[in-house]
Amino acid sequence: MAQKNDNKVNKPNIFVRMGRKLKETFSELKKVSWPTFPKVVKATCVVLVVVVTFLVVATGINYGLNELLKLITGLGE
């Protein structure tokens, strides 16, 4: 039984391990090049334009297929 415990490597407790990971995380965050505010605004505008474009396309396809279904089934009359 004593040999079993001797072969086991003692790991630090959970708080020590979390502290090390947190320290590593903050050191990596210092290396990040954060975008400027105008770049963030520009990227946000691009995303909004793409989302609205796909919204219009999806709505148009939905409307077109709905009208086609009404034409085929005659339920819309």
PDB file of N, CA and C in Angstrom:
ATOM      1  N   MET A   1       0.820  -1.187   0.000  1.00  0.00           N
ATOM      2  CA  MET A   1       0.000   0.000   0.000  1.00  0.00           C
ATOM      3  C   MET A   1       0.861   1.247   0.000  1.00  0.00           C
ATOM      4  N   ALA A   2       1.965   1.209   0.699  1.00  0.00           N
ATOM      5  CA  ALA A   2       2.847   2.369   0.769  1.00  0.00           C
ATOM      6  C   ALA A   2       3.507   2.617  -0.582  1.00  0.00           C
ATOM      7  N   GLN A   3       3.785   1.555  -1.321  1.00  0.00           N
ATOM      8  CA  GLN A   3       4.401   1.726  -2.635  1.00  0.00           C
ATOM      9  C   GLN A   3       3.445   2.410  -3.603  1.00  0.00           C
ATOM     10  N   LYS A   4       2.182   2.136  -3.454  1.00  0.00           N
ATOM     11  CA  LYS A   4       1.191   2.741  -4.335  1.00  0.00           C
ATOM     12  C   LYS A   4       1.189   4.259  -4.181  1.00  0.00           C
ATOM     13  N   ASN A   5       1.282   4.742  -2.969  1.00  0.00           N
ATOM     14  CA  ASN A   5       1.288   6.176  -2.726  1.00  0.00           C
ATOM     15  C   ASN A   5       2.604   6.813  -3.147  1.00  0.00           C
ATOM     16  N   ASP A   6       3.699   6.062  -3.101  1.00  0.00           N
ATOM     17  CA  ASP A   6       4.998   6.606  -3.497  1.00  0.00           C
ATOM     18  C   ASP A   6       5.066   6.845  -5.002  1.00  0.00           C
ATOM     19  N   ASN A   7       4.400   6.004  -5.777  1.00  0.00           N
ATOM     20  CA  ASN A   7       4.437   6.139  -7.232  1.00  0.00           C
ATOM     21  C   ASN A   7       3.538   7.275  -7.722  1.00  0.00           C
ATOM     22  N   LYS A   8       2.608   7.667  -6.888  1.00  0.00           N
ATOM     23  CA  LYS A   8       1.662   8.712  -7.285  1.00  0.00           C
ATOM     24  C   LYS A   8       2.350  10.076  -7.245  1.00  0.00           C
ATOM     25  N   VAL A   9       2.190  10.842  -8.309  1.00  0.00           N
ATOM     26  CA  VAL A   9       2.771  12.174  -8.372  1.00  0.00           C
ATOM     27  C   VAL A   9       1.804  13.133  -7.686  1.00  0.00           C
ATOM     28  N   ASN A  10       2.324  13.931  -6.780  1.00  0.00           N
ATOM     29  CA  ASN A  10       1.471  14.876  -6.070  1.00  0.00           C
ATOM     30  C   ASN A  10       1.168  16.073  -6.970  1.00  0.00           C
ATOM     31  N   LYS A  11      -0.115  16.222  -7.282  1.00  0.00           N
ATOM     32  CA  LYS A  11      -0.535  17.376  -8.065  1.00  0.00           C
ATOM     33  C   LYS A  11      -0.885  18.495  -7.100  1.00  0.00           C
ATOM     34  N   PRO A  12      -0.653  19.731  -7.514  1.00  0.00           N
ATOM     35  CA  PRO A  12      -1.088  20.838  -6.652  1.00  0.00           C
ATOM     36  C   PRO A  12      -2.615  20.858  -6.573  1.00  0.00           C
ATOM     37  N   ASN A  13      -3.120  21.504  -5.549  1.00  0.00           N
ATOM     38  CA  ASN A  13      -4.570  21.528  -5.396  1.00  0.00           C
ATOM     39  C   ASN A  13      -5.222  22.346  -6.510  1.00  0.00           C
ATOM     40  N   ILE A  14      -6.518  22.292  -6.564  1.00  0.00           N
ATOM     41  CA  ILE A  14      -7.271  22.888  -7.670  1.00  0.00           C
ATOM     42  C   ILE A  14      -7.076  24.404  -7.752  1.00  0.00           C
ATOM     43  N   PHE A  15      -6.941  25.051  -6.600  1.00  0.00           N
ATOM     44  CA  PHE A  15      -6.805  26.509  -6.602  1.00  0.00           C
ATOM     45  C   PHE A  15      -5.459  26.947  -7.160  1.00  0.00           C
ATOM     46  N   VAL A  16      -4.427  26.193  -6.881  1.00  0.00           N
ATOM     47  CA  VAL A  16      -3.100  26.512  -7.416  1.00  0.00           C
ATOM     48  C   VAL A  16      -3.105  26.327  -8.927  1.00  0.00           C
ATOM     49  N   ARG A  17      -3.720  25.236  -9.390  1.00  0.00           N
ATOM     50  CA  ARG A  17      -3.775  24.992 -10.838  1.00  0.00           C
ATOM     51  C   ARG A  17      -4.606  26.059 -11.547  1.00  0.00           C
ATOM     52  N   MET A  18      -5.729  26.450 -10.946  1.00  0.00           N
ATOM     53  CA  MET A  18      -6.551  27.505 -11.558  1.00  0.00           C
ATOM     54  C   MET A  18      -5.811  28.828 -11.575  1.00  0.00           C
ATOM     55  N   GLY A  19      -5.054  29.116 -10.538  1.00  0.00           N
ATOM     56  CA  GLY A  19      -4.273  30.351 -10.485  1.00  0.00           C
ATOM     57  C   GLY A  19      -3.234  30.405 -11.588  1.00  0.00           C
ATOM     58  N   ARG A  20      -2.595  29.269 -11.840  1.00  0.00           N
ATOM     59  CA  ARG A  20      -1.595  29.215 -12.922  1.00  0.00           C
ATOM     60  C   ARG A  20      -2.250  29.451 -14.279  1.00  0.00           C
ATOM     61  N   LYS A  21      -3.398  28.803 -14.486  1.00  0.00           N
ATOM     62  CA  LYS A  21      -4.099  28.971 -15.768  1.00  0.00           C
ATOM     63  C   LYS A  21      -4.565  30.416 -15.941  1.00  0.00           C
ATOM     64  N   LEU A  22      -5.027  31.017 -14.863  1.00  0.00           N
ATOM     65  CA  LEU A  22      -5.477  32.402 -14.923  1.00  0.00           C
ATOM     66  C   LEU A  22      -4.317  33.336 -15.252  1.00  0.00           C
ATOM     67  N   LYS A  23      -3.168  33.068 -14.676  1.00  0.00           N
ATOM     68  CA  LYS A  23      -1.976  33.873 -14.951  1.00  0.00           C
ATOM     69  C   LYS A  23      -1.571  33.747 -16.419  1.00  0.00           C
ATOM     70  N   GLU A  24      -1.627  32.522 -16.938  1.00  0.00           N
ATOM     71  CA  GLU A  24      -1.305  32.300 -18.350  1.00  0.00           C
ATOM     72  C   GLU A  24      -2.301  33.019 -19.252  1.00  0.00           C
ATOM     73  N   THR A  25      -3.555  32.987 -18.875  1.00  0.00           N
ATOM     74  CA  THR A  25      -4.593  33.644 -19.677  1.00  0.00           C
ATOM     75  C   THR A  25      -4.356  35.145 -19.752  1.00  0.00           C
ATOM     76  N   PHE A  26      -4.062  35.751 -18.618  1.00  0.00           N
ATOM     77  CA  PHE A  26      -3.821  37.195 -18.622  1.00  0.00           C
ATOM     78  C   PHE A  26      -2.561  37.555 -19.399  1.00  0.00           C
ATOM     79  N   SER A  27      -1.533  36.717 -19.332  1.00  0.00           N
ATOM     80  CA  SER A  27      -0.322  37.013 -20.100  1.00  0.00           C
ATOM     81  C   SER A  27      -0.597  36.912 -21.598  1.00  0.00           C
ATOM     82  N   GLU A  28      -1.473  35.991 -22.005  1.00  0.00           N
ATOM     83  CA  GLU A  28      -1.830  35.887 -23.418  1.00  0.00           C
ATOM     84  C   GLU A  28      -2.701  37.065 -23.850  1.00  0.00           C
ATOM     85  N   LEU A  29      -3.583  37.518 -22.972  1.00  0.00           N
ATOM     86  CA  LEU A  29      -4.432  38.663 -23.317  1.00  0.00           C
ATOM     87  C   LEU A  29      -3.620  39.936 -23.509  1.00  0.00           C
ATOM     88  N   LYS A  30      -2.479  40.041 -22.851  1.00  0.00           N
ATOM     89  CA  LYS A  30      -1.627  41.213 -23.045  1.00  0.00           C
ATOM     90  C   LYS A  30      -1.024  41.242 -24.443  1.00  0.00           C
ATOM     91  N   LYS A  31      -0.909  40.073 -25.077  1.00  0.00           N
ATOM     92  CA  LYS A  31      -0.313  39.976 -26.412  1.00  0.00           C
ATOM     93  C   LYS A  31      -1.322  40.275 -27.519  1.00  0.00           C
ATOM     94  N   VAL A  32      -2.603  40.303 -27.191  1.00  0.00           N
ATOM     95  CA  VAL A  32      -3.647  40.496 -28.199  1.00  0.00           C
ATOM     96  C   VAL A  32      -3.623  41.928 -28.700  1.00  0.00           C
ATOM     97  N   SER A  33      -3.733  42.083 -30.016  1.00  0.00           N
ATOM     98  CA  SER A  33      -3.850  43.433 -30.571  1.00  0.00           C
ATOM     99  C   SER A  33      -5.338  43.718 -30.750  1.00  0.00           C
ATOM    100  N   TRP A  34      -5.858  44.578 -29.900  1.00  0.00           N
ATOM    101  CA  TRP A  34      -7.278  44.878 -29.904  1.00  0.00           C
ATOM    102  C   TRP A  34      -7.604  45.852 -31.025  1.00  0.00           C
ATOM    103  N   PRO A  35      -8.752  45.688 -31.705  1.00  0.00           N
ATOM    104  CA  PRO A  35      -9.104  46.591 -32.801  1.00  0.00           C
ATOM    105  C   PRO A  35      -9.496  47.970 -32.262  1.00  0.00           C
ATOM    106  N   THR A  36      -9.328  48.945 -33.120  1.00  0.00           N
ATOM    107  CA  THR A  36      -9.724  50.296 -32.742  1.00  0.00           C
ATOM    108  C   THR A  36     -11.246  50.422 -32.864  1.00  0.00           C
ATOM    109  N   PHE A  37     -11.789  51.464 -32.268  1.00  0.00           N
ATOM    110  CA  PHE A  37     -13.245  51.648 -32.292  1.00  0.00           C
ATOM    111  C   PHE A  37     -13.788  51.796 -33.710  1.00  0.00           C
ATOM    112  N   PRO A  38     -13.139  52.578 -34.599  1.00  0.00           N
ATOM    113  CA  PRO A  38     -13.666  52.659 -35.976  1.00  0.00           C
ATOM    114  C   PRO A  38     -13.680  51.296 -36.688  1.00  0.00           C
ATOM    115  N   LYS A  39     -12.699  50.449 -36.420  1.00  0.00           N
ATOM    116  CA  LYS A  39     -12.690  49.122 -37.041  1.00  0.00           C
ATOM    117  C   LYS A  39     -13.851  48.276 -36.516  1.00  0.00           C
ATOM    118  N   VAL A  40     -14.139  48.403 -35.229  1.00  0.00           N
ATOM    119  CA  VAL A  40     -15.252  47.654 -34.647  1.00  0.00           C
ATOM    120  C   VAL A  40     -16.574  48.119 -35.254  1.00  0.00           C
ATOM    121  N   VAL A  41     -16.730  49.426 -35.407  1.00  0.00           N
ATOM    122  CA  VAL A  41     -17.966  49.967 -35.992  1.00  0.00           C
ATOM    123  C   VAL A  41     -18.106  49.507 -37.439  1.00  0.00           C
ATOM    124  N   LYS A  42     -17.020  49.527 -38.184  1.00  0.00           N
ATOM    125  CA  LYS A  42     -17.062  49.103 -39.580  1.00  0.00           C
ATOM    126  C   LYS A  42     -17.428  47.622 -39.691  1.00  0.00           C
ATOM    127  N   ALA A  43     -16.822  46.789 -38.852  1.00  0.00           N
ATOM    128  CA  ALA A  43     -17.118  45.359 -38.878  1.00  0.00           C
ATOM    129  C   ALA A  43     -18.568  45.095 -38.475  1.00  0.00           C
ATOM    130  N   THR A  44     -19.064  45.838 -37.505  1.00  0.00           N
ATOM    131  CA  THR A  44     -20.452  45.688 -37.078  1.00  0.00           C
ATOM    132  C   THR A  44     -21.407  46.062 -38.205  1.00  0.00           C
ATOM    133  N   CYS A  45     -21.095  47.138 -38.918  1.00  0.00           N
ATOM    134  CA  CYS A  45     -21.929  47.548 -40.045  1.00  0.00           C
ATOM    135  C   CYS A  45     -21.925  46.495 -41.151  1.00  0.00           C
ATOM    136  N   VAL A  46     -20.789  45.907 -41.411  1.00  0.00           N
ATOM    137  CA  VAL A  46     -20.706  44.853 -42.429  1.00  0.00           C
ATOM    138  C   VAL A  46     -21.578  43.673 -42.027  1.00  0.00           C
ATOM    139  N   VAL A  47     -21.509  43.281 -40.773  1.00  0.00           N
ATOM    140  CA  VAL A  47     -22.321  42.161 -40.294  1.00  0.00           C
ATOM    141  C   VAL A  47     -23.804  42.481 -40.423  1.00  0.00           C
ATOM    142  N   LEU A  48     -24.202  43.678 -40.037  1.00  0.00           N
ATOM    143  CA  LEU A  48     -25.609  44.058 -40.137  1.00  0.00           C
ATOM    144  C   LEU A  48     -26.097  44.070 -41.580  1.00  0.00           C
ATOM    145  N   VAL A  49     -25.270  44.559 -42.501  1.00  0.00           N
ATOM    146  CA  VAL A  49     -25.660  44.574 -43.919  1.00  0.00           C
ATOM    147  C   VAL A  49     -25.822  43.153 -44.444  1.00  0.00           C
ATOM    148  N   VAL A  50     -24.920  42.267 -44.081  1.00  0.00           N
ATOM    149  CA  VAL A  50     -25.015  40.872 -44.537  1.00  0.00           C
ATOM    150  C   VAL A  50     -26.266  40.208 -43.966  1.00  0.00           C
ATOM    151  N   VAL A  51     -26.547  40.445 -42.690  1.00  0.00           N
ATOM    152  CA  VAL A  51     -27.731  39.845 -42.062  1.00  0.00           C
ATOM    153  C   VAL A  51     -29.002  40.364 -42.714  1.00  0.00           C
ATOM    154  N   VAL A  52     -29.089  41.660 -42.954  1.00  0.00           N
ATOM    155  CA  VAL A  52     -30.291  42.229 -43.582  1.00  0.00           C
ATOM    156  C   VAL A  52     -30.437  41.709 -45.014  1.00  0.00           C
ATOM    157  N   THR A  53     -29.339  41.577 -45.731  1.00  0.00           N
ATOM    158  CA  THR A  53     -29.385  41.051 -47.095  1.00  0.00           C
ATOM    159  C   THR A  53     -29.937  39.631 -47.113  1.00  0.00           C
ATOM    160  N   PHE A  54     -29.416  38.783 -46.233  1.00  0.00           N
ATOM    161  CA  PHE A  54     -29.923  37.411 -46.179  1.00  0.00           C
ATOM    162  C   PHE A  54     -31.375  37.366 -45.705  1.00  0.00           C
ATOM    163  N   LEU A  55     -31.746  38.283 -44.836  1.00  0.00           N
ATOM    164  CA  LEU A  55     -33.139  38.358 -44.387  1.00  0.00           C
ATOM    165  C   LEU A  55     -34.059  38.676 -45.556  1.00  0.00           C
ATOM    166  N   VAL A  56     -33.663  39.630 -46.376  1.00  0.00           N
ATOM    167  CA  VAL A  56     -34.475  40.002 -47.542  1.00  0.00           C
ATOM    168  C   VAL A  56     -34.550  38.843 -48.527  1.00  0.00           C
ATOM    169  N   VAL A  57     -33.440  38.175 -48.771  1.00  0.00           N
ATOM    170  CA  VAL A  57     -33.424  37.045 -49.707  1.00  0.00           C
ATOM    171  C   VAL A  57     -34.296  35.911 -49.179  1.00  0.00           C
ATOM    172  N   ALA A  58     -34.151  35.564 -47.902  1.00  0.00           N
ATOM    173  CA  ALA A  58     -34.943  34.473 -47.335  1.00  0.00           C
ATOM    174  C   ALA A  58     -36.430  34.812 -47.336  1.00  0.00           C
ATOM    175  N   THR A  59     -36.766  36.062 -47.038  1.00  0.00           N
ATOM    176  CA  THR A  59     -38.169  36.476 -47.059  1.00  0.00           C
ATOM    177  C   THR A  59     -38.727  36.426 -48.481  1.00  0.00           C
ATOM    178  N   GLY A  60     -37.936  36.844 -49.450  1.00  0.00           N
ATOM    179  CA  GLY A  60     -38.374  36.780 -50.847  1.00  0.00           C
ATOM    180  C   GLY A  60     -38.600  35.350 -51.313  1.00  0.00           C
ATOM    181  N   ILE A  61     -37.700  34.454 -50.943  1.00  0.00           N
ATOM    182  CA  ILE A  61     -37.874  33.044 -51.310  1.00  0.00           C
ATOM    183  C   ILE A  61     -39.122  32.481 -50.633  1.00  0.00           C
ATOM    184  N   ASN A  62     -39.318  32.807 -49.378  1.00  0.00           N
ATOM    185  CA  ASN A  62     -40.497  32.334 -48.651  1.00  0.00           C
ATOM    186  C   ASN A  62     -41.778  32.841 -49.303  1.00  0.00           C
ATOM    187  N   TYR A  63     -41.807  34.109 -49.643  1.00  0.00           N
ATOM    188  CA  TYR A  63     -42.990  34.682 -50.291  1.00  0.00           C
ATOM    189  C   TYR A  63     -43.243  34.022 -51.649  1.00  0.00           C
ATOM    190  N   GLY A  64     -42.173  33.841 -52.415  1.00  0.00           N
ATOM    191  CA  GLY A  64     -42.307  33.222 -53.733  1.00  0.00           C
ATOM    192  C   GLY A  64     -42.813  31.791 -53.648  1.00  0.00           C
ATOM    193  N   LEU A  65     -42.279  31.019 -52.720  1.00  0.00           N
ATOM    194  CA  LEU A  65     -42.741  29.642 -52.578  1.00  0.00           C
ATOM    195  C   LEU A  65     -44.168  29.581 -52.051  1.00  0.00           C
ATOM    196  N   ASN A  66     -44.525  30.524 -51.202  1.00  0.00           N
ATOM    197  CA  ASN A  66     -45.905  30.578 -50.700  1.00  0.00           C
ATOM    198  C   ASN A  66     -46.883  30.876 -51.838  1.00  0.00           C
ATOM    199  N   GLU A  67     -46.524  31.819 -52.682  1.00  0.00           N
ATOM    200  CA  GLU A  67     -47.389  32.143 -53.823  1.00  0.00           C
ATOM    201  C   GLU A  67     -47.476  30.969 -54.791  1.00  0.00           C
ATOM    202  N   LEU A  68     -46.361  30.263 -54.999  1.00  0.00           N
ATOM    203  CA  LEU A  68     -46.358  29.093 -55.875  1.00  0.00           C
ATOM    204  C   LEU A  68     -47.253  27.998 -55.303  1.00  0.00           C
ATOM    205  N   LEU A  69     -47.211  27.804 -54.003  1.00  0.00           N
ATOM    206  CA  LEU A  69     -48.061  26.806 -53.363  1.00  0.00           C
ATOM    207  C   LEU A  69     -49.537  27.176 -53.504  1.00  0.00           C
ATOM    208  N   LYS A  70     -49.835  28.467 -53.344  1.00  0.00           N
ATOM    209  CA  LYS A  70     -51.228  28.918 -53.520  1.00  0.00           C
ATOM    210  C   LYS A  70     -51.697  28.688 -54.965  1.00  0.00           C
ATOM    211  N   LEU A  71     -50.788  28.930 -55.912  1.00  0.00           N
ATOM    212  CA  LEU A  71     -51.129  28.753 -57.326  1.00  0.00           C
ATOM    213  C   LEU A  71     -51.375  27.275 -57.634  1.00  0.00           C
ATOM    214  N   ILE A  72     -50.546  26.412 -57.077  1.00  0.00           N
ATOM    215  CA  ILE A  72     -50.672  24.974 -57.358  1.00  0.00           C
ATOM    216  C   ILE A  72     -51.916  24.384 -56.692  1.00  0.00           C
ATOM    217  N   THR A  73     -52.131  24.732 -55.433  1.00  0.00           N
ATOM    218  CA  THR A  73     -53.235  24.114 -54.702  1.00  0.00           C
ATOM    219  C   THR A  73     -54.560  24.845 -54.869  1.00  0.00           C
ATOM    220  N   GLY A  74     -54.523  26.099 -55.234  1.00  0.00           N
ATOM    221  CA  GLY A  74     -55.741  26.872 -55.405  1.00  0.00           C
ATOM    222  C   GLY A  74     -56.386  27.273 -54.086  1.00  0.00           C
ATOM    223  N   LEU A  75     -55.651  27.182 -52.986  1.00  0.00           N
ATOM    224  CA  LEU A  75     -56.220  27.522 -51.681  1.00  0.00           C
ATOM    225  C   LEU A  75     -56.254  29.011 -51.419  1.00  0.00           C
ATOM    226  N   GLY A  76     -55.514  29.774 -52.193  1.00  0.00           N
ATOM    227  CA  GLY A  76     -55.436  31.197 -51.947  1.00  0.00           C
ATOM    228  C   GLY A  76     -56.540  32.000 -52.579  1.00  0.00           C
ATOM    229  N   GLU A  77     -57.399  31.363 -53.308  1.00  0.00           N
ATOM    230  CA  GLU A  77     -58.440  32.110 -54.043  1.00  0.00           C
ATOM    231  C   GLU A  77     -59.625  32.431 -53.194  1.00  0.00           C
TER     232      GLU A  77
END
